[in-house]
């Protein structure tokens, strides 16, 4: 004979959420321990420094500076605007990957810098950058 209890019977359940949390904890701790077990094997070396050697290689870069009057100087040498395209084309023929940096004075006009940029682009040079200096 079966006697029924007035209390409701609870079904047993297997909760999986705490098991997932424990697995993530074990994974993270295993990763941290394995990273700390890694030994760096290196030799300490005291290498001598060169005192007599000087670098003779000068990078082929064209630095153009535009002052407030629109005058252009290439590598700190004044260049007339009429001579600038010929000079740029000559340097471009020598090296087709020559970069050009255009620097404008603080009070140089926007139009004069764009004019120099246009001359550089007409000569075929593709690597052009406008150098800027952060305000103090």
N, C-alpha and C. Protein backbone atom coordinates (compact mmCIF):
# COMPACT_ATOMS: atom_id res chain seq x y z
N UNK A 1 0.83 -1.16 0.00
CA UNK A 1 0.00 0.00 0.00
C UNK A 1 0.88 1.24 0.00
N UNK A 2 0.46 2.21 -0.78
CA UNK A 2 1.24 3.42 -0.94
C UNK A 2 0.56 4.55 -0.19
N UNK A 3 1.31 5.22 0.69
CA UNK A 3 0.75 6.34 1.45
C UNK A 3 1.30 7.62 0.85
N UNK A 4 0.41 8.50 0.49
CA UNK A 4 0.81 9.78 -0.09
C UNK A 4 1.09 10.78 1.00
N UNK A 5 2.15 11.51 0.82
CA UNK A 5 2.54 12.53 1.78
C UNK A 5 1.83 13.83 1.46
N UNK A 6 1.42 14.60 2.47
CA UNK A 6 0.78 15.88 2.18
C UNK A 6 1.76 16.93 1.61
N UNK A 7 3.05 16.71 1.80
CA UNK A 7 4.06 17.62 1.24
C UNK A 7 4.33 17.26 -0.21
N UNK A 8 4.54 18.29 -1.03
CA UNK A 8 4.81 18.02 -2.45
C UNK A 8 6.23 17.47 -2.60
N UNK A 9 6.35 16.56 -3.49
CA UNK A 9 7.63 15.94 -3.71
C UNK A 9 8.47 16.79 -4.67
N UNK A 10 9.70 17.09 -4.29
CA UNK A 10 10.57 17.90 -5.15
C UNK A 10 11.38 17.01 -6.07
N UNK A 11 11.47 17.44 -7.30
CA UNK A 11 12.30 16.72 -8.25
C UNK A 11 13.75 17.16 -8.05
N UNK A 12 14.65 16.24 -8.11
CA UNK A 12 16.07 16.60 -7.99
C UNK A 12 16.54 17.14 -9.33
N UNK A 13 17.33 18.21 -9.24
CA UNK A 13 17.87 18.84 -10.45
C UNK A 13 19.38 18.97 -10.32
N UNK A 14 20.02 18.90 -11.42
CA UNK A 14 21.46 19.12 -11.45
C UNK A 14 21.69 20.54 -11.95
N UNK A 15 22.16 21.42 -11.08
CA UNK A 15 22.40 22.81 -11.46
C UNK A 15 23.74 22.90 -12.20
N UNK A 16 23.69 23.43 -13.42
CA UNK A 16 24.89 23.46 -14.26
C UNK A 16 25.60 24.82 -14.20
N UNK A 17 24.89 25.86 -13.80
CA UNK A 17 25.50 27.20 -13.75
C UNK A 17 26.69 27.26 -12.80
N UNK A 18 26.60 26.75 -11.57
CA UNK A 18 27.79 26.77 -10.70
C UNK A 18 28.94 25.94 -11.27
N UNK A 19 28.63 24.88 -11.99
CA UNK A 19 29.70 24.09 -12.59
C UNK A 19 30.44 24.88 -13.66
N UNK A 20 29.70 25.67 -14.43
CA UNK A 20 30.34 26.50 -15.47
C UNK A 20 31.23 27.55 -14.81
N UNK A 21 30.77 28.16 -13.73
CA UNK A 21 31.58 29.15 -13.02
C UNK A 21 32.87 28.53 -12.50
N UNK A 22 32.78 27.33 -11.96
CA UNK A 22 33.97 26.65 -11.44
C UNK A 22 34.93 26.33 -12.57
N UNK A 23 34.41 25.91 -13.71
CA UNK A 23 35.28 25.58 -14.85
C UNK A 23 36.01 26.82 -15.36
N UNK A 24 35.31 27.97 -15.43
CA UNK A 24 35.97 29.20 -15.86
C UNK A 24 37.04 29.62 -14.85
N UNK A 25 36.76 29.45 -13.57
CA UNK A 25 37.75 29.79 -12.55
C UNK A 25 38.98 28.91 -12.70
N UNK A 26 38.78 27.60 -12.91
CA UNK A 26 39.92 26.69 -13.07
C UNK A 26 40.71 27.01 -14.34
N UNK A 27 40.02 27.35 -15.41
CA UNK A 27 40.70 27.70 -16.65
C UNK A 27 41.54 28.95 -16.48
N UNK A 28 40.98 30.00 -15.86
CA UNK A 28 41.71 31.24 -15.66
C UNK A 28 42.91 31.02 -14.75
N UNK A 29 42.74 30.26 -13.67
CA UNK A 29 43.87 30.04 -12.77
C UNK A 29 44.94 29.19 -13.44
N UNK A 30 44.55 28.21 -14.26
CA UNK A 30 45.54 27.42 -14.99
C UNK A 30 46.33 28.29 -15.95
N UNK A 31 45.65 29.21 -16.64
CA UNK A 31 46.35 30.10 -17.58
C UNK A 31 47.32 31.00 -16.84
N UNK A 32 46.91 31.55 -15.71
CA UNK A 32 47.79 32.44 -14.95
C UNK A 32 49.02 31.70 -14.43
N UNK A 33 48.81 30.48 -13.94
CA UNK A 33 49.93 29.71 -13.41
C UNK A 33 50.88 29.31 -14.53
N UNK A 34 50.34 28.92 -15.68
CA UNK A 34 51.21 28.52 -16.79
C UNK A 34 52.01 29.69 -17.35
N UNK A 35 51.45 30.91 -17.31
CA UNK A 35 52.20 32.07 -17.76
C UNK A 35 53.32 32.41 -16.80
N UNK A 36 53.12 32.18 -15.52
CA UNK A 36 54.14 32.50 -14.53
C UNK A 36 55.23 31.45 -14.49
N UNK A 37 54.95 30.24 -14.98
CA UNK A 37 55.95 29.18 -14.97
C UNK A 37 56.95 29.33 -16.10
N UNK A 38 56.67 30.17 -17.05
CA UNK A 38 57.53 30.34 -18.20
C UNK A 38 58.81 31.06 -17.77
N UNK A 39 59.94 30.44 -18.01
CA UNK A 39 61.22 31.01 -17.62
C UNK A 39 61.85 31.68 -18.83
N UNK A 40 62.38 32.87 -18.61
CA UNK A 40 63.07 33.58 -19.67
C UNK A 40 64.55 33.25 -19.54
N UNK A 41 65.06 32.64 -20.56
CA UNK A 41 66.48 32.27 -20.55
C UNK A 41 67.22 33.22 -21.47
N UNK A 42 67.95 34.12 -20.88
CA UNK A 42 68.71 35.09 -21.67
C UNK A 42 70.05 35.33 -20.99
N UNK A 43 71.00 35.69 -21.79
CA UNK A 43 72.32 36.01 -21.26
C UNK A 43 72.47 37.52 -21.15
N UNK A 44 73.01 37.94 -20.05
CA UNK A 44 73.29 39.36 -19.91
C UNK A 44 74.63 39.63 -20.57
N UNK A 45 74.62 40.59 -21.48
CA UNK A 45 75.84 40.91 -22.21
C UNK A 45 76.10 42.40 -22.13
N UNK A 46 77.34 42.73 -21.93
CA UNK A 46 77.75 44.12 -21.90
C UNK A 46 78.54 44.38 -23.19
N UNK A 47 77.84 44.91 -24.19
CA UNK A 47 78.46 45.12 -25.49
C UNK A 47 79.13 46.49 -25.55
N UNK A 48 80.25 46.58 -26.24
CA UNK A 48 80.92 47.88 -26.36
C UNK A 48 80.16 48.79 -27.32
N UNK A 49 80.30 50.08 -27.13
CA UNK A 49 79.66 51.04 -28.01
C UNK A 49 80.69 51.66 -28.94
N UNK A 50 80.25 52.05 -30.11
CA UNK A 50 81.15 52.65 -31.09
C UNK A 50 81.36 54.12 -30.72
N UNK A 51 82.60 54.54 -30.70
CA UNK A 51 82.90 55.93 -30.36
C UNK A 51 83.47 56.69 -31.55
N UNK A 52 84.09 56.00 -32.48
CA UNK A 52 84.73 56.66 -33.61
C UNK A 52 83.86 56.71 -34.86
N UNK A 53 82.91 55.82 -34.97
CA UNK A 53 82.13 55.72 -36.20
C UNK A 53 81.09 56.83 -36.27
N UNK A 54 80.94 57.36 -37.48
CA UNK A 54 79.90 58.34 -37.74
C UNK A 54 79.11 57.88 -38.95
N UNK A 55 77.87 58.23 -38.98
CA UNK A 55 77.01 57.84 -40.08
C UNK A 55 77.24 58.78 -41.26
N UNK A 56 77.58 58.20 -42.41
CA UNK A 56 77.80 59.00 -43.61
C UNK A 56 76.58 58.96 -44.53
N UNK A 57 75.65 58.07 -44.25
CA UNK A 57 74.47 57.95 -45.11
C UNK A 57 73.47 59.05 -44.76
N UNK A 58 73.16 59.86 -45.74
CA UNK A 58 72.17 60.90 -45.55
C UNK A 58 70.90 60.48 -46.29
N UNK A 59 69.78 60.43 -45.58
CA UNK A 59 68.56 60.02 -46.27
C UNK A 59 68.17 61.04 -47.33
N UNK A 60 67.64 60.52 -48.42
CA UNK A 60 67.25 61.38 -49.52
C UNK A 60 65.85 61.93 -49.23
N UNK A 61 65.82 63.07 -48.58
CA UNK A 61 64.57 63.73 -48.20
C UNK A 61 64.66 65.18 -48.66
N UNK A 62 63.55 65.69 -49.15
CA UNK A 62 63.50 67.10 -49.54
C UNK A 62 62.68 67.84 -48.49
N UNK A 63 63.30 68.77 -47.80
CA UNK A 63 62.61 69.60 -46.82
C UNK A 63 62.35 70.97 -47.43
N UNK A 64 61.08 71.30 -47.62
CA UNK A 64 60.71 72.59 -48.17
C UNK A 64 60.13 73.44 -47.05
N UNK A 65 60.63 74.66 -46.91
CA UNK A 65 60.12 75.57 -45.89
C UNK A 65 59.56 76.80 -46.59
N UNK A 66 58.36 77.19 -46.19
CA UNK A 66 57.69 78.36 -46.76
C UNK A 66 57.62 79.42 -45.67
N UNK A 67 58.15 80.62 -45.96
CA UNK A 67 58.10 81.67 -44.94
C UNK A 67 56.85 82.53 -45.12
N UNK A 68 56.74 83.56 -44.31
CA UNK A 68 55.51 84.36 -44.32
C UNK A 68 55.33 85.17 -45.59
N UNK A 69 56.41 85.36 -46.37
CA UNK A 69 56.31 86.11 -47.63
C UNK A 69 56.09 85.18 -48.83
N UNK A 70 56.02 83.87 -48.59
CA UNK A 70 55.82 82.93 -49.68
C UNK A 70 57.11 82.46 -50.32
N UNK A 71 58.26 82.84 -49.76
CA UNK A 71 59.55 82.40 -50.28
C UNK A 71 59.81 80.96 -49.83
N UNK A 72 60.39 80.18 -50.71
CA UNK A 72 60.62 78.76 -50.43
C UNK A 72 62.11 78.52 -50.30
N UNK A 73 62.46 77.70 -49.31
CA UNK A 73 63.85 77.25 -49.18
C UNK A 73 63.83 75.73 -49.13
N UNK A 74 64.70 75.13 -49.94
CA UNK A 74 64.81 73.68 -50.01
C UNK A 74 66.10 73.27 -49.30
N UNK A 75 65.98 72.48 -48.27
CA UNK A 75 67.12 72.04 -47.46
C UNK A 75 67.94 73.23 -46.98
N UNK A 76 67.28 74.25 -46.48
CA UNK A 76 67.86 75.48 -45.93
C UNK A 76 68.62 76.32 -46.96
N UNK A 77 68.31 76.15 -48.23
CA UNK A 77 68.87 76.99 -49.29
C UNK A 77 67.72 77.65 -50.03
N UNK A 78 67.73 78.97 -50.16
CA UNK A 78 66.61 79.64 -50.85
C UNK A 78 66.50 79.20 -52.31
N UNK A 79 65.26 78.98 -52.73
CA UNK A 79 64.99 78.56 -54.10
C UNK A 79 63.85 79.44 -54.62
N UNK A 80 64.02 79.96 -55.84
CA UNK A 80 62.95 80.74 -56.46
C UNK A 80 61.83 79.79 -56.87
N UNK A 81 60.61 80.31 -56.83
CA UNK A 81 59.46 79.48 -57.18
C UNK A 81 59.52 79.01 -58.63
N UNK A 82 60.16 79.78 -59.50
CA UNK A 82 60.28 79.36 -60.89
C UNK A 82 61.29 78.22 -61.06
N UNK A 83 62.27 78.12 -60.15
CA UNK A 83 63.28 77.06 -60.23
C UNK A 83 62.87 75.79 -59.46
N UNK A 84 61.86 75.91 -58.63
CA UNK A 84 61.46 74.78 -57.78
C UNK A 84 60.99 73.56 -58.57
N UNK A 85 60.14 73.69 -59.60
CA UNK A 85 59.72 72.48 -60.34
C UNK A 85 60.88 71.75 -61.00
N UNK A 86 61.84 72.48 -61.54
CA UNK A 86 62.99 71.83 -62.18
C UNK A 86 63.83 71.07 -61.16
N UNK A 87 64.03 71.69 -59.99
CA UNK A 87 64.81 71.03 -58.94
C UNK A 87 64.09 69.77 -58.45
N UNK A 88 62.77 69.85 -58.27
CA UNK A 88 62.01 68.69 -57.82
C UNK A 88 62.02 67.56 -58.85
N UNK A 89 61.87 67.91 -60.13
CA UNK A 89 61.88 66.89 -61.17
C UNK A 89 63.24 66.21 -61.27
N UNK A 90 64.32 66.98 -61.06
CA UNK A 90 65.66 66.40 -61.10
C UNK A 90 65.85 65.41 -59.95
N UNK A 91 65.40 65.78 -58.76
CA UNK A 91 65.52 64.88 -57.61
C UNK A 91 64.59 63.66 -57.77
N UNK A 92 63.44 63.86 -58.41
CA UNK A 92 62.50 62.76 -58.63
C UNK A 92 63.07 61.76 -59.64
N UNK A 93 63.79 62.23 -60.65
CA UNK A 93 64.40 61.33 -61.62
C UNK A 93 65.50 60.50 -60.97
N UNK A 94 66.22 61.09 -60.00
CA UNK A 94 67.27 60.36 -59.32
C UNK A 94 66.70 59.29 -58.39
N UNK A 95 65.58 59.61 -57.72
CA UNK A 95 64.94 58.67 -56.80
C UNK A 95 63.44 58.88 -56.88
N UNK A 96 62.73 57.86 -57.37
CA UNK A 96 61.28 58.01 -57.55
C UNK A 96 60.51 57.90 -56.24
N UNK A 97 61.15 57.45 -55.18
CA UNK A 97 60.49 57.33 -53.88
C UNK A 97 60.95 58.40 -52.91
N UNK A 98 61.39 59.52 -53.40
CA UNK A 98 61.88 60.58 -52.52
C UNK A 98 60.70 61.23 -51.80
N UNK A 99 60.77 61.31 -50.46
CA UNK A 99 59.70 61.98 -49.72
C UNK A 99 59.95 63.48 -49.62
N UNK A 100 58.88 64.24 -49.58
CA UNK A 100 58.96 65.69 -49.46
C UNK A 100 58.20 66.12 -48.21
N UNK A 101 58.85 66.93 -47.37
CA UNK A 101 58.22 67.48 -46.19
C UNK A 101 58.08 68.99 -46.38
N UNK A 102 56.86 69.47 -46.29
CA UNK A 102 56.60 70.90 -46.45
C UNK A 102 56.32 71.48 -45.06
N UNK A 103 57.10 72.48 -44.69
CA UNK A 103 56.93 73.14 -43.40
C UNK A 103 56.62 74.59 -43.67
N UNK A 104 55.59 75.09 -43.04
CA UNK A 104 55.22 76.48 -43.20
C UNK A 104 55.54 77.26 -41.94
N UNK A 105 55.94 78.50 -42.11
CA UNK A 105 56.14 79.38 -40.96
C UNK A 105 54.79 79.62 -40.29
N UNK A 106 54.83 80.07 -39.06
CA UNK A 106 53.60 80.26 -38.30
C UNK A 106 52.67 81.27 -38.98
N UNK A 107 53.25 82.27 -39.61
CA UNK A 107 52.42 83.29 -40.25
C UNK A 107 52.41 83.17 -41.77
N UNK A 108 52.76 81.98 -42.30
CA UNK A 108 52.69 81.75 -43.75
C UNK A 108 51.22 81.59 -44.15
N UNK A 109 50.90 82.05 -45.34
CA UNK A 109 49.52 81.94 -45.79
C UNK A 109 49.22 80.53 -46.29
N UNK A 110 47.98 80.17 -46.16
CA UNK A 110 47.53 78.85 -46.59
C UNK A 110 47.71 78.70 -48.10
N UNK A 111 47.46 79.76 -48.83
CA UNK A 111 47.57 79.71 -50.29
C UNK A 111 48.99 79.43 -50.76
N UNK A 112 50.00 80.00 -50.09
CA UNK A 112 51.37 79.78 -50.53
C UNK A 112 51.80 78.33 -50.27
N UNK A 113 51.34 77.76 -49.18
CA UNK A 113 51.69 76.37 -48.90
C UNK A 113 50.99 75.44 -49.90
N UNK A 114 49.75 75.72 -50.23
CA UNK A 114 49.03 74.90 -51.22
C UNK A 114 49.67 75.04 -52.59
N UNK A 115 50.18 76.24 -52.91
CA UNK A 115 50.85 76.45 -54.18
C UNK A 115 52.11 75.58 -54.27
N UNK A 116 52.88 75.54 -53.19
CA UNK A 116 54.09 74.70 -53.17
C UNK A 116 53.69 73.22 -53.24
N UNK A 117 52.63 72.84 -52.54
CA UNK A 117 52.15 71.47 -52.59
C UNK A 117 51.75 71.10 -54.02
N UNK A 118 51.11 72.01 -54.72
CA UNK A 118 50.71 71.78 -56.11
C UNK A 118 51.94 71.60 -57.00
N UNK A 119 52.99 72.41 -56.78
CA UNK A 119 54.22 72.26 -57.57
C UNK A 119 54.87 70.91 -57.32
N UNK A 120 54.83 70.45 -56.09
CA UNK A 120 55.42 69.15 -55.76
C UNK A 120 54.64 68.04 -56.45
N UNK A 121 53.33 68.10 -56.40
CA UNK A 121 52.51 67.07 -57.03
C UNK A 121 52.65 67.06 -58.55
N UNK A 122 52.82 68.25 -59.15
CA UNK A 122 53.00 68.32 -60.61
C UNK A 122 54.32 67.69 -61.05
N UNK A 123 55.32 67.71 -60.17
CA UNK A 123 56.61 67.12 -60.54
C UNK A 123 56.58 65.60 -60.50
N UNK A 124 55.49 65.02 -59.99
CA UNK A 124 55.35 63.57 -59.99
C UNK A 124 55.61 62.91 -58.65
N UNK A 125 56.03 63.67 -57.67
CA UNK A 125 56.34 63.11 -56.36
C UNK A 125 55.03 62.75 -55.65
N UNK A 126 54.96 61.51 -55.15
CA UNK A 126 53.74 61.04 -54.51
C UNK A 126 53.82 61.06 -52.98
N UNK A 127 55.01 60.99 -52.43
CA UNK A 127 55.16 60.95 -50.98
C UNK A 127 55.38 62.36 -50.44
N UNK A 128 54.28 63.00 -50.09
CA UNK A 128 54.32 64.38 -49.62
C UNK A 128 53.67 64.43 -48.24
N UNK A 129 54.32 65.15 -47.33
CA UNK A 129 53.76 65.32 -46.00
C UNK A 129 53.92 66.79 -45.59
N UNK A 130 52.96 67.27 -44.84
CA UNK A 130 53.04 68.62 -44.31
C UNK A 130 53.45 68.49 -42.86
N UNK A 131 54.63 69.01 -42.54
CA UNK A 131 55.15 68.90 -41.17
C UNK A 131 54.50 69.96 -40.31
N UNK A 132 54.03 69.54 -39.16
CA UNK A 132 53.41 70.47 -38.22
C UNK A 132 54.14 70.36 -36.89
N UNK A 133 54.08 71.44 -36.15
CA UNK A 133 54.73 71.49 -34.84
C UNK A 133 53.67 71.86 -33.83
N UNK A 134 53.63 71.15 -32.72
CA UNK A 134 52.63 71.40 -31.71
C UNK A 134 52.87 72.75 -31.05
N UNK A 135 51.79 73.41 -30.71
CA UNK A 135 51.90 74.71 -30.03
C UNK A 135 52.44 74.49 -28.62
N UNK A 136 53.27 75.43 -28.13
CA UNK A 136 53.84 75.24 -26.79
C UNK A 136 52.77 75.40 -25.71
